[in-house]
């Protein structure tokens, strides 16, 4: 019953074992990483860059800016290349390719011109995140390609245009809150401060909330099983990361407002 209801909103799964396997792997691995974040086992970037239990002297350390560029650039390039590999496959495919490319281009530009960094990133954390983003970008565009070449029936309920609206809300909200974070530090400052403005009065990670929104927008544009699995997995990961971030702020700032949730206003 659940599957039949979902198929009203999704293309049937394509006849590809690779895409089917990656759908499961993305969902399970991202969800597991989210729960690991909640348990205190963090990927080493941002404020958790040095939260490692191993011998850090044996790990390769990148500047945060270099590490973040490493995270997003391959996924951006995968989006760009998809226009040449899968050209002129209809409006839905073009919108999906554009959304994926624009999201990761925006992240690269924010790394270069918006964010102010103070820490580092370990290579062994950068590699799995880079692979996750790259594989997701490549698989989303490839999965969309298969809906065309395999002649899969269109979903009964078309979410493409609402998906564009959700995507734009997410990408604008994500950028705005990244901008607010960048304004917390003056020139040469490196210490963390309690964020203010926007939705920071309700949740400590509104930028994650809007990033989740971005991927659900992409999923609605695409309406493939893989894009939905990746959006759900990303939700679990960023919810876990937000929980850990709120816990970190509570431990560092005695005046951190207890009513500010992690990522979902008034709820969590």
Protein backbone atom coordinates (compact mmCIF):
# COMPACT_ATOMS: atom_id res chain seq x y z
CA UNK A 1 0.00 0.00 0.00
CA UNK A 2 2.81 2.40 0.90
CA UNK A 3 4.70 1.59 -2.31
CA UNK A 4 1.62 2.06 -4.47
CA UNK A 5 1.02 5.44 -2.83
CA UNK A 6 4.67 6.44 -3.36
CA UNK A 7 4.53 5.49 -7.03
CA UNK A 8 1.94 8.20 -7.54
CA UNK A 9 4.73 10.67 -6.78
CA UNK A 10 7.71 8.77 -8.26
CA UNK A 11 8.95 7.25 -11.47
CA UNK A 12 9.14 3.43 -11.22
CA UNK A 13 12.63 2.29 -10.20
CA UNK A 14 14.82 2.02 -13.32
CA UNK A 15 16.11 -1.41 -14.40
CA UNK A 16 19.58 -0.65 -13.06
CA UNK A 17 21.15 -2.65 -10.25
CA UNK A 18 23.75 0.11 -9.78
CA UNK A 19 21.15 2.84 -9.21
CA UNK A 20 19.07 0.57 -6.98
CA UNK A 21 22.11 -0.35 -4.90
CA UNK A 22 23.24 3.27 -4.61
CA UNK A 23 19.75 4.28 -3.48
CA UNK A 24 20.00 1.87 -0.56
CA UNK A 25 23.64 2.70 0.20
CA UNK A 26 23.00 6.46 0.23
CA UNK A 27 20.00 6.16 2.52
CA UNK A 28 21.62 3.74 4.97
CA UNK A 29 25.10 5.34 5.08
CA UNK A 30 23.83 8.91 5.53
CA UNK A 31 21.33 7.84 8.16
CA UNK A 32 24.00 5.92 10.06
CA UNK A 33 26.36 8.92 9.89
CA UNK A 34 23.61 11.12 11.32
CA UNK A 35 23.14 8.81 14.29
CA UNK A 36 26.93 8.68 14.74
CA UNK A 37 26.95 12.48 14.99
CA UNK A 38 24.32 12.31 17.73
CA UNK A 39 26.42 9.74 19.60
CA UNK A 40 29.46 12.05 19.47
CA UNK A 41 31.38 10.44 16.61
CA UNK A 42 31.85 13.40 14.27
CA UNK A 43 33.13 13.99 10.79
CA UNK A 44 36.09 16.30 11.33
CA UNK A 45 35.18 19.67 9.84
CA UNK A 46 33.84 23.02 11.04
CA UNK A 47 33.70 23.26 14.84
CA UNK A 48 34.32 19.50 15.12
CA UNK A 49 37.46 19.47 13.00
CA UNK A 50 39.64 18.36 15.92
CA UNK A 51 37.10 16.02 17.55
CA UNK A 52 39.12 12.94 16.70
CA UNK A 53 39.85 9.96 18.90
CA UNK A 54 42.78 8.64 16.83
CA UNK A 55 46.37 9.80 16.50
CA UNK A 56 45.90 13.15 14.75
CA UNK A 57 49.63 13.45 14.04
CA UNK A 58 49.29 10.69 11.44
CA UNK A 59 46.34 12.32 9.66
CA UNK A 60 46.57 14.70 6.72
CA UNK A 61 45.19 18.11 7.63
CA UNK A 62 43.70 20.55 5.11
CA UNK A 63 42.74 24.17 5.59
CA UNK A 64 38.98 24.47 5.97
CA UNK A 65 38.69 26.45 2.74
CA UNK A 66 40.67 23.89 0.73
CA UNK A 67 38.74 21.04 2.32
CA UNK A 68 35.37 22.60 1.57
CA UNK A 69 36.34 23.24 -2.05
CA UNK A 70 37.33 19.59 -2.26
CA UNK A 71 33.89 18.63 -0.96
CA UNK A 72 31.79 20.54 -3.47
CA UNK A 73 33.81 20.97 -6.67
CA UNK A 74 33.59 17.37 -8.01
CA UNK A 75 29.80 17.41 -7.53
CA UNK A 76 29.58 20.76 -9.32
CA UNK A 77 31.64 19.38 -12.21
CA UNK A 78 29.42 16.29 -12.35
CA UNK A 79 26.45 18.59 -12.79
CA UNK A 80 28.19 20.56 -15.54
CA UNK A 81 29.29 17.43 -17.40
CA UNK A 82 25.75 16.01 -17.27
CA UNK A 83 24.60 18.75 -19.68
CA UNK A 84 27.04 17.37 -22.29
CA UNK A 85 26.51 13.66 -21.61
CA UNK A 86 22.70 13.85 -21.36
CA UNK A 87 21.70 16.84 -23.53
CA UNK A 88 18.18 17.83 -24.57
CA UNK A 89 16.29 15.20 -22.58
CA UNK A 90 13.31 17.36 -21.72
CA UNK A 91 12.40 20.08 -19.27
CA UNK A 92 12.47 17.90 -16.13
CA UNK A 93 15.99 16.65 -16.85
CA UNK A 94 17.23 20.16 -17.63
CA UNK A 95 15.73 21.54 -14.42
CA UNK A 96 17.26 18.71 -12.41
CA UNK A 97 20.70 19.20 -13.95
CA UNK A 98 20.43 22.96 -13.41
CA UNK A 99 19.39 22.60 -9.75
CA UNK A 100 22.20 20.18 -8.93
CA UNK A 101 24.81 22.32 -10.71
CA UNK A 102 23.56 25.58 -9.20
CA UNK A 103 23.51 24.21 -5.66
CA UNK A 104 27.13 23.04 -5.74
CA UNK A 105 28.30 26.13 -7.65
CA UNK A 106 26.73 28.26 -4.92
CA UNK A 107 28.53 26.25 -2.25
CA UNK A 108 31.87 26.71 -4.03
CA UNK A 109 31.30 30.46 -4.35
CA UNK A 110 30.35 30.71 -0.67
CA UNK A 111 33.55 28.89 0.28
CA UNK A 112 35.58 31.36 -1.80
CA UNK A 113 33.83 34.63 -1.01
CA UNK A 114 31.44 34.34 1.96
CA UNK A 115 32.60 31.97 4.69
CA UNK A 116 35.26 32.90 7.23
CA UNK A 117 37.19 29.90 8.45
CA UNK A 118 39.24 29.34 11.56
CA UNK A 119 39.99 25.62 11.63
CA UNK A 120 41.01 22.68 9.52
CA UNK A 121 39.61 19.49 8.05
CA UNK A 122 41.13 16.03 8.11
CA UNK A 123 41.45 14.33 4.75
CA UNK A 124 39.86 11.11 6.00
CA UNK A 125 36.68 13.09 6.72
CA UNK A 126 36.84 15.08 3.47
CA UNK A 127 37.07 12.02 1.23
CA UNK A 128 33.78 10.30 2.20
CA UNK A 129 31.85 13.59 2.08
CA UNK A 130 33.35 14.41 -1.33
CA UNK A 131 32.44 10.97 -2.65
CA UNK A 132 28.92 11.23 -1.23
CA UNK A 133 28.25 14.56 -2.94
CA UNK A 134 29.90 13.51 -6.21
CA UNK A 135 28.13 10.16 -6.40
CA UNK A 136 24.80 11.79 -5.51
CA UNK A 137 25.15 14.46 -8.22
CA UNK A 138 26.19 11.89 -10.85
CA UNK A 139 23.55 9.35 -9.85
CA UNK A 140 20.69 11.87 -9.70
CA UNK A 141 21.40 13.02 -13.24
CA UNK A 142 21.98 9.46 -14.49
CA UNK A 143 18.81 8.20 -12.82
CA UNK A 144 16.89 11.02 -14.52
CA UNK A 145 18.47 10.02 -17.82
CA UNK A 146 17.19 6.46 -17.36
CA UNK A 147 13.61 7.68 -16.95
CA UNK A 148 13.89 9.03 -20.51
CA UNK A 149 15.84 6.25 -22.22
CA UNK A 150 13.81 3.47 -20.56
CA UNK A 151 10.53 5.23 -21.31
CA UNK A 152 9.37 5.03 -17.69
CA UNK A 153 5.81 6.28 -17.11
CA UNK A 154 5.48 9.75 -15.64
CA UNK A 155 4.35 9.99 -11.99
CA UNK A 156 0.59 10.42 -11.62
CA UNK A 157 1.17 13.54 -9.52
CA UNK A 158 3.61 16.02 -11.07
CA UNK A 159 5.75 17.79 -8.44
CA UNK A 160 8.22 19.39 -10.86
CA UNK A 161 7.07 23.00 -10.63
CA UNK A 162 6.40 22.93 -6.86
CA UNK A 163 9.87 21.37 -6.60
CA UNK A 164 11.42 24.38 -8.33
CA UNK A 165 9.74 26.66 -5.79
CA UNK A 166 10.90 24.53 -2.84
CA UNK A 167 14.43 24.41 -4.27
CA UNK A 168 14.58 28.21 -4.64
CA UNK A 169 13.30 28.73 -1.09
CA UNK A 170 15.95 26.34 0.16
CA UNK A 171 18.89 27.79 -1.76
CA UNK A 172 17.99 31.40 -0.88
CA UNK A 173 17.43 30.56 2.79
CA UNK A 174 20.65 28.58 2.92
CA UNK A 175 22.66 31.44 1.40
CA UNK A 176 21.06 34.06 3.67
CA UNK A 177 21.93 32.20 6.85
CA UNK A 178 25.46 31.47 5.62
CA UNK A 179 25.77 35.23 5.05
CA UNK A 180 24.60 35.93 8.61
CA UNK A 181 27.17 33.46 9.95
CA UNK A 182 29.93 35.16 7.97
CA UNK A 183 29.06 38.52 9.56
CA UNK A 184 29.60 37.20 13.09
CA UNK A 185 33.37 37.57 12.77
CA UNK A 186 35.28 40.75 12.14
CA UNK A 187 38.52 40.88 10.22
CA UNK A 188 41.05 38.51 11.78
CA UNK A 189 38.60 37.11 14.36
CA UNK A 190 38.45 33.35 14.76
CA UNK A 191 36.36 32.70 17.86
CA UNK A 192 32.82 31.35 17.65
CA UNK A 193 29.81 33.44 18.68
CA UNK A 194 26.13 32.72 19.17
CA UNK A 195 24.47 33.37 15.79
CA UNK A 196 21.65 35.90 15.60
CA UNK A 197 19.15 37.06 13.00
CA UNK A 198 16.96 35.16 10.55
CA UNK A 199 15.81 31.84 11.98
CA UNK A 200 18.73 31.64 14.41
CA UNK A 201 16.33 32.75 17.12
CA UNK A 202 14.44 29.48 16.63
CA UNK A 203 17.10 26.93 15.61
CA UNK A 204 20.88 26.89 15.79
CA UNK A 205 21.25 25.39 12.29
CA UNK A 206 18.76 27.09 9.94
CA UNK A 207 21.34 26.75 7.16
CA UNK A 208 21.01 22.97 7.55
CA UNK A 209 17.23 23.26 7.56
CA UNK A 210 17.36 25.07 4.24
CA UNK A 211 19.93 22.64 2.83
CA UNK A 212 17.49 19.84 3.62
CA UNK A 213 14.85 21.92 1.83
CA UNK A 214 17.16 22.20 -1.20
CA UNK A 215 17.44 18.44 -1.56
CA UNK A 216 13.71 17.87 -1.14
CA UNK A 217 13.20 20.48 -3.86
CA UNK A 218 15.61 18.56 -6.09
CA UNK A 219 13.79 15.34 -5.23
CA UNK A 220 10.45 16.89 -6.18
CA UNK A 221 11.87 18.10 -9.50
CA UNK A 222 13.37 14.69 -10.21
CA UNK A 223 10.72 12.39 -8.70
CA UNK A 224 13.11 9.42 -8.85
CA UNK A 225 13.63 6.86 -6.11
CA UNK A 226 17.32 7.72 -5.81
CA UNK A 227 16.78 11.46 -5.32
CA UNK A 228 14.19 10.74 -2.61
CA UNK A 229 16.53 8.29 -0.84
CA UNK A 230 19.33 10.85 -0.89
CA UNK A 231 17.04 13.60 0.45
CA UNK A 232 15.86 11.37 3.31
CA UNK A 233 19.41 10.27 4.12
CA UNK A 234 20.61 13.88 4.05
CA UNK A 235 17.81 14.77 6.45
CA UNK A 236 18.97 12.20 8.99
CA UNK A 237 22.61 13.28 8.62
CA UNK A 238 21.97 17.01 9.01
CA UNK A 239 19.49 16.48 11.85
CA UNK A 240 22.21 14.49 13.66
CA UNK A 241 24.83 17.13 12.90
CA UNK A 242 22.46 19.87 14.12
CA UNK A 243 21.84 17.99 17.36
CA UNK A 244 25.61 17.76 17.92
CA UNK A 245 26.03 21.45 17.06
CA UNK A 246 23.38 22.55 19.58
CA UNK A 247 25.01 20.37 22.22
CA UNK A 248 28.35 22.02 21.41
CA UNK A 249 26.92 25.54 21.82
CA UNK A 250 25.30 24.57 25.13
CA UNK A 251 28.69 23.38 26.39
CA UNK A 252 30.57 26.50 25.25
CA UNK A 253 28.14 29.33 26.04
CA UNK A 254 26.39 29.65 29.41
CA UNK A 255 24.01 32.22 27.94
CA UNK A 256 22.94 30.08 25.00
CA UNK A 257 19.11 30.30 24.89
CA UNK A 258 17.63 26.94 25.86
CA UNK A 259 14.51 27.52 23.75
CA UNK A 260 16.56 27.49 20.53
CA UNK A 261 16.19 24.06 18.96
CA UNK A 262 18.66 22.22 16.75
CA UNK A 263 17.11 22.34 13.27
CA UNK A 264 13.29 22.04 13.33
CA UNK A 265 11.63 25.12 14.93
CA UNK A 266 9.76 24.38 18.19
CA UNK A 267 10.25 20.62 17.77
CA UNK A 268 13.87 19.41 17.60
